[in-house]
Amino acid sequence: MLGIGLDLDAIAAVVIGGTLLTGGTGGITGTVTGVLLPGVIQSLINQVGNLTPAFQQVVSGAVLALVVAQRVLGKAQRLS
């Protein structure tokens, strides 16, 4: 059973890539970036080596939340 539990990761990758959840359109470049960013973050966390898996998820989630918040704030700034 391949891919079970990866639905949230797929949604996060698309949102990080710039596609709106409310029906927006996105591009392949943004989506690829959205897929690579969490992988790079996870690799960096694994190199630290002394973090528990639960704490790894917290750190990864916090970084992803910052990326999404930055995109939202940047878009709001461009609109005003």
N, C-alpha and C. Protein backbone atom coordinates (compact mmCIF):
# COMPACT_ATOMS: atom_id res chain seq x y z
N MET A 1 0.84 -1.16 0.00
CA MET A 1 0.00 0.00 0.00
C MET A 1 0.89 1.23 0.00
N LEU A 2 1.16 1.69 -1.17
CA LEU A 2 2.07 2.81 -1.37
C LEU A 2 1.30 4.13 -1.33
N GLY A 3 1.83 5.10 -0.62
CA GLY A 3 1.24 6.44 -0.61
C GLY A 3 0.22 6.70 0.47
N ILE A 4 -0.04 5.73 1.32
CA ILE A 4 -1.00 5.94 2.40
C ILE A 4 -0.38 6.92 3.40
N GLY A 5 -1.13 7.94 3.75
CA GLY A 5 -0.66 8.93 4.70
C GLY A 5 0.12 10.07 4.08
N LEU A 6 0.25 10.08 2.78
CA LEU A 6 1.01 11.14 2.11
C LEU A 6 0.11 12.23 1.53
N ASP A 7 -1.18 12.15 1.80
CA ASP A 7 -2.09 13.13 1.23
C ASP A 7 -1.83 14.53 1.77
N LEU A 8 -1.55 14.66 3.05
CA LEU A 8 -1.26 15.97 3.62
C LEU A 8 0.05 16.53 3.06
N ASP A 9 1.03 15.67 2.84
CA ASP A 9 2.29 16.12 2.24
C ASP A 9 2.07 16.62 0.82
N ALA A 10 1.22 15.95 0.08
CA ALA A 10 0.94 16.38 -1.29
C ALA A 10 0.22 17.73 -1.31
N ILE A 11 -0.73 17.91 -0.41
CA ILE A 11 -1.44 19.19 -0.34
C ILE A 11 -0.48 20.29 0.07
N ALA A 12 0.37 20.03 1.06
CA ALA A 12 1.35 21.03 1.51
C ALA A 12 2.29 21.42 0.38
N ALA A 13 2.74 20.45 -0.40
CA ALA A 13 3.65 20.74 -1.50
C ALA A 13 3.00 21.64 -2.54
N VAL A 14 1.75 21.40 -2.84
CA VAL A 14 1.06 22.21 -3.84
C VAL A 14 0.82 23.62 -3.32
N VAL A 15 0.46 23.74 -2.04
CA VAL A 15 0.21 25.06 -1.46
C VAL A 15 1.52 25.85 -1.37
N ILE A 16 2.60 25.20 -0.97
CA ILE A 16 3.90 25.87 -0.93
C ILE A 16 4.31 26.30 -2.33
N GLY A 17 3.94 25.51 -3.31
CA GLY A 17 4.26 25.85 -4.70
C GLY A 17 3.47 27.01 -5.25
N GLY A 18 2.45 27.46 -4.53
CA GLY A 18 1.73 28.66 -4.96
C GLY A 18 0.30 28.46 -5.41
N THR A 19 -0.21 27.25 -5.40
CA THR A 19 -1.58 27.02 -5.81
C THR A 19 -2.51 27.28 -4.64
N LEU A 20 -3.58 28.02 -4.88
CA LEU A 20 -4.54 28.32 -3.82
C LEU A 20 -5.47 27.13 -3.60
N LEU A 21 -5.83 26.90 -2.36
CA LEU A 21 -6.77 25.81 -2.05
C LEU A 21 -8.19 26.17 -2.47
N THR A 22 -8.43 27.43 -2.74
CA THR A 22 -9.77 27.87 -3.09
C THR A 22 -10.03 27.78 -4.59
N GLY A 23 -9.21 27.04 -5.31
CA GLY A 23 -9.45 26.84 -6.73
C GLY A 23 -8.51 27.59 -7.64
N GLY A 24 -7.37 27.95 -7.14
CA GLY A 24 -6.42 28.68 -7.96
C GLY A 24 -5.70 27.77 -8.93
N THR A 25 -4.94 28.37 -9.80
CA THR A 25 -4.14 27.61 -10.74
C THR A 25 -2.68 27.70 -10.32
N GLY A 26 -1.92 26.70 -10.66
CA GLY A 26 -0.52 26.67 -10.31
C GLY A 26 0.30 26.14 -11.47
N GLY A 27 1.59 26.28 -11.35
CA GLY A 27 2.48 25.81 -12.39
C GLY A 27 3.34 24.65 -11.91
N ILE A 28 3.95 23.99 -12.85
CA ILE A 28 4.79 22.84 -12.53
C ILE A 28 6.04 23.27 -11.77
N THR A 29 6.58 24.45 -12.08
CA THR A 29 7.78 24.92 -11.40
C THR A 29 7.53 25.13 -9.92
N GLY A 30 6.43 25.78 -9.59
CA GLY A 30 6.08 26.00 -8.19
C GLY A 30 5.82 24.71 -7.45
N THR A 31 5.15 23.78 -8.10
CA THR A 31 4.84 22.51 -7.46
C THR A 31 6.11 21.70 -7.21
N VAL A 32 7.03 21.70 -8.17
CA VAL A 32 8.31 21.00 -7.97
C VAL A 32 9.08 21.63 -6.81
N THR A 33 9.06 22.96 -6.75
CA THR A 33 9.70 23.65 -5.63
C THR A 33 9.03 23.26 -4.32
N GLY A 34 7.72 23.18 -4.33
CA GLY A 34 6.98 22.79 -3.13
C GLY A 34 7.26 21.36 -2.70
N VAL A 35 7.61 20.51 -3.62
CA VAL A 35 7.96 19.13 -3.28
C VAL A 35 9.40 19.06 -2.75
N LEU A 36 10.29 19.83 -3.35
CA LEU A 36 11.70 19.77 -2.95
C LEU A 36 11.97 20.42 -1.61
N LEU A 37 11.28 21.50 -1.30
CA LEU A 37 11.54 22.23 -0.06
C LEU A 37 11.36 21.37 1.19
N PRO A 38 10.25 20.65 1.36
CA PRO A 38 10.14 19.80 2.54
C PRO A 38 11.20 18.69 2.59
N GLY A 39 11.59 18.18 1.43
CA GLY A 39 12.64 17.17 1.40
C GLY A 39 13.98 17.71 1.86
N VAL A 40 14.29 18.93 1.45
CA VAL A 40 15.54 19.56 1.89
C VAL A 40 15.49 19.84 3.39
N ILE A 41 14.35 20.33 3.86
CA ILE A 41 14.21 20.59 5.30
C ILE A 41 14.39 19.30 6.10
N GLN A 42 13.76 18.23 5.64
CA GLN A 42 13.88 16.95 6.35
C GLN A 42 15.31 16.44 6.33
N SER A 43 16.01 16.61 5.24
CA SER A 43 17.41 16.19 5.17
C SER A 43 18.28 16.98 6.14
N LEU A 44 18.04 18.28 6.22
CA LEU A 44 18.80 19.10 7.16
C LEU A 44 18.52 18.69 8.60
N ILE A 45 17.27 18.40 8.90
CA ILE A 45 16.92 17.97 10.26
C ILE A 45 17.59 16.63 10.56
N ASN A 46 17.61 15.73 9.60
CA ASN A 46 18.23 14.42 9.82
C ASN A 46 19.73 14.53 10.02
N GLN A 47 20.37 15.54 9.43
CA GLN A 47 21.80 15.72 9.62
C GLN A 47 22.14 16.16 11.04
N VAL A 48 21.20 16.84 11.69
CA VAL A 48 21.41 17.21 13.10
C VAL A 48 21.54 15.94 13.92
N GLY A 49 20.65 14.98 13.66
CA GLY A 49 20.81 13.64 14.19
C GLY A 49 20.31 13.37 15.59
N ASN A 50 20.14 14.35 16.44
CA ASN A 50 19.75 14.06 17.80
C ASN A 50 18.32 14.51 18.12
N LEU A 51 17.50 14.69 17.11
CA LEU A 51 16.12 15.08 17.33
C LEU A 51 15.20 13.86 17.26
N THR A 52 14.22 13.81 18.14
CA THR A 52 13.25 12.72 18.10
C THR A 52 12.35 12.91 16.89
N PRO A 53 11.74 11.84 16.40
CA PRO A 53 10.86 11.97 15.23
C PRO A 53 9.71 12.95 15.45
N ALA A 54 9.17 12.99 16.65
CA ALA A 54 8.07 13.92 16.92
C ALA A 54 8.56 15.37 16.81
N PHE A 55 9.74 15.63 17.35
CA PHE A 55 10.28 16.99 17.28
C PHE A 55 10.67 17.35 15.85
N GLN A 56 11.08 16.37 15.07
CA GLN A 56 11.39 16.61 13.66
C GLN A 56 10.15 17.10 12.93
N GLN A 57 9.01 16.50 13.21
CA GLN A 57 7.77 16.92 12.56
C GLN A 57 7.37 18.32 13.00
N VAL A 58 7.59 18.64 14.27
CA VAL A 58 7.26 19.98 14.75
C VAL A 58 8.13 21.03 14.06
N VAL A 59 9.42 20.78 13.98
CA VAL A 59 10.33 21.72 13.32
C VAL A 59 9.98 21.86 11.84
N SER A 60 9.74 20.74 11.18
CA SER A 60 9.40 20.77 9.77
C SER A 60 8.09 21.52 9.54
N GLY A 61 7.10 21.28 10.37
CA GLY A 61 5.83 21.98 10.26
C GLY A 61 5.96 23.47 10.50
N ALA A 62 6.79 23.85 11.47
CA ALA A 62 7.00 25.27 11.75
C ALA A 62 7.66 25.98 10.58
N VAL A 63 8.65 25.34 9.98
CA VAL A 63 9.32 25.95 8.82
C VAL A 63 8.35 26.07 7.65
N LEU A 64 7.55 25.05 7.42
CA LEU A 64 6.57 25.11 6.34
C LEU A 64 5.52 26.18 6.60
N ALA A 65 5.11 26.33 7.85
CA ALA A 65 4.14 27.37 8.20
C ALA A 65 4.74 28.76 7.93
N LEU A 66 6.02 28.92 8.23
CA LEU A 66 6.68 30.20 7.95
C LEU A 66 6.73 30.50 6.46
N VAL A 67 6.99 29.48 5.67
CA VAL A 67 7.04 29.67 4.21
C VAL A 67 5.68 30.08 3.68
N VAL A 68 4.64 29.41 4.13
CA VAL A 68 3.29 29.74 3.68
C VAL A 68 2.90 31.14 4.15
N ALA A 69 3.22 31.49 5.40
CA ALA A 69 2.90 32.82 5.92
C ALA A 69 3.63 33.90 5.13
N GLN A 70 4.86 33.63 4.76
CA GLN A 70 5.63 34.60 3.99
C GLN A 70 4.99 34.82 2.62
N ARG A 71 4.52 33.74 2.00
CA ARG A 71 3.86 33.86 0.69
C ARG A 71 2.58 34.66 0.81
N VAL A 72 1.81 34.42 1.88
CA VAL A 72 0.54 35.13 2.06
C VAL A 72 0.80 36.62 2.31
N LEU A 73 1.77 36.92 3.17
CA LEU A 73 2.08 38.31 3.46
C LEU A 73 2.63 39.03 2.24
N GLY A 74 3.45 38.34 1.46
CA GLY A 74 3.97 38.95 0.24
C GLY A 74 2.89 39.24 -0.76
N LYS A 75 1.93 38.35 -0.87
CA LYS A 75 0.83 38.57 -1.81
C LYS A 75 -0.07 39.71 -1.33
N ALA A 76 -0.30 39.79 -0.03
CA ALA A 76 -1.14 40.88 0.52
C ALA A 76 -0.45 42.22 0.31
N GLN A 77 0.87 42.24 0.43
CA GLN A 77 1.62 43.47 0.23
C GLN A 77 1.55 43.93 -1.23
N ARG A 78 1.60 42.99 -2.15
CA ARG A 78 1.53 43.34 -3.57
C ARG A 78 0.16 43.87 -3.95
N LEU A 79 -0.88 43.41 -3.27
CA LEU A 79 -2.24 43.85 -3.58
C LEU A 79 -2.52 45.26 -3.07
N SER A 80 -1.81 45.70 -2.04
CA SER A 80 -2.10 47.02 -1.48
C SER A 80 -1.19 48.09 -2.04
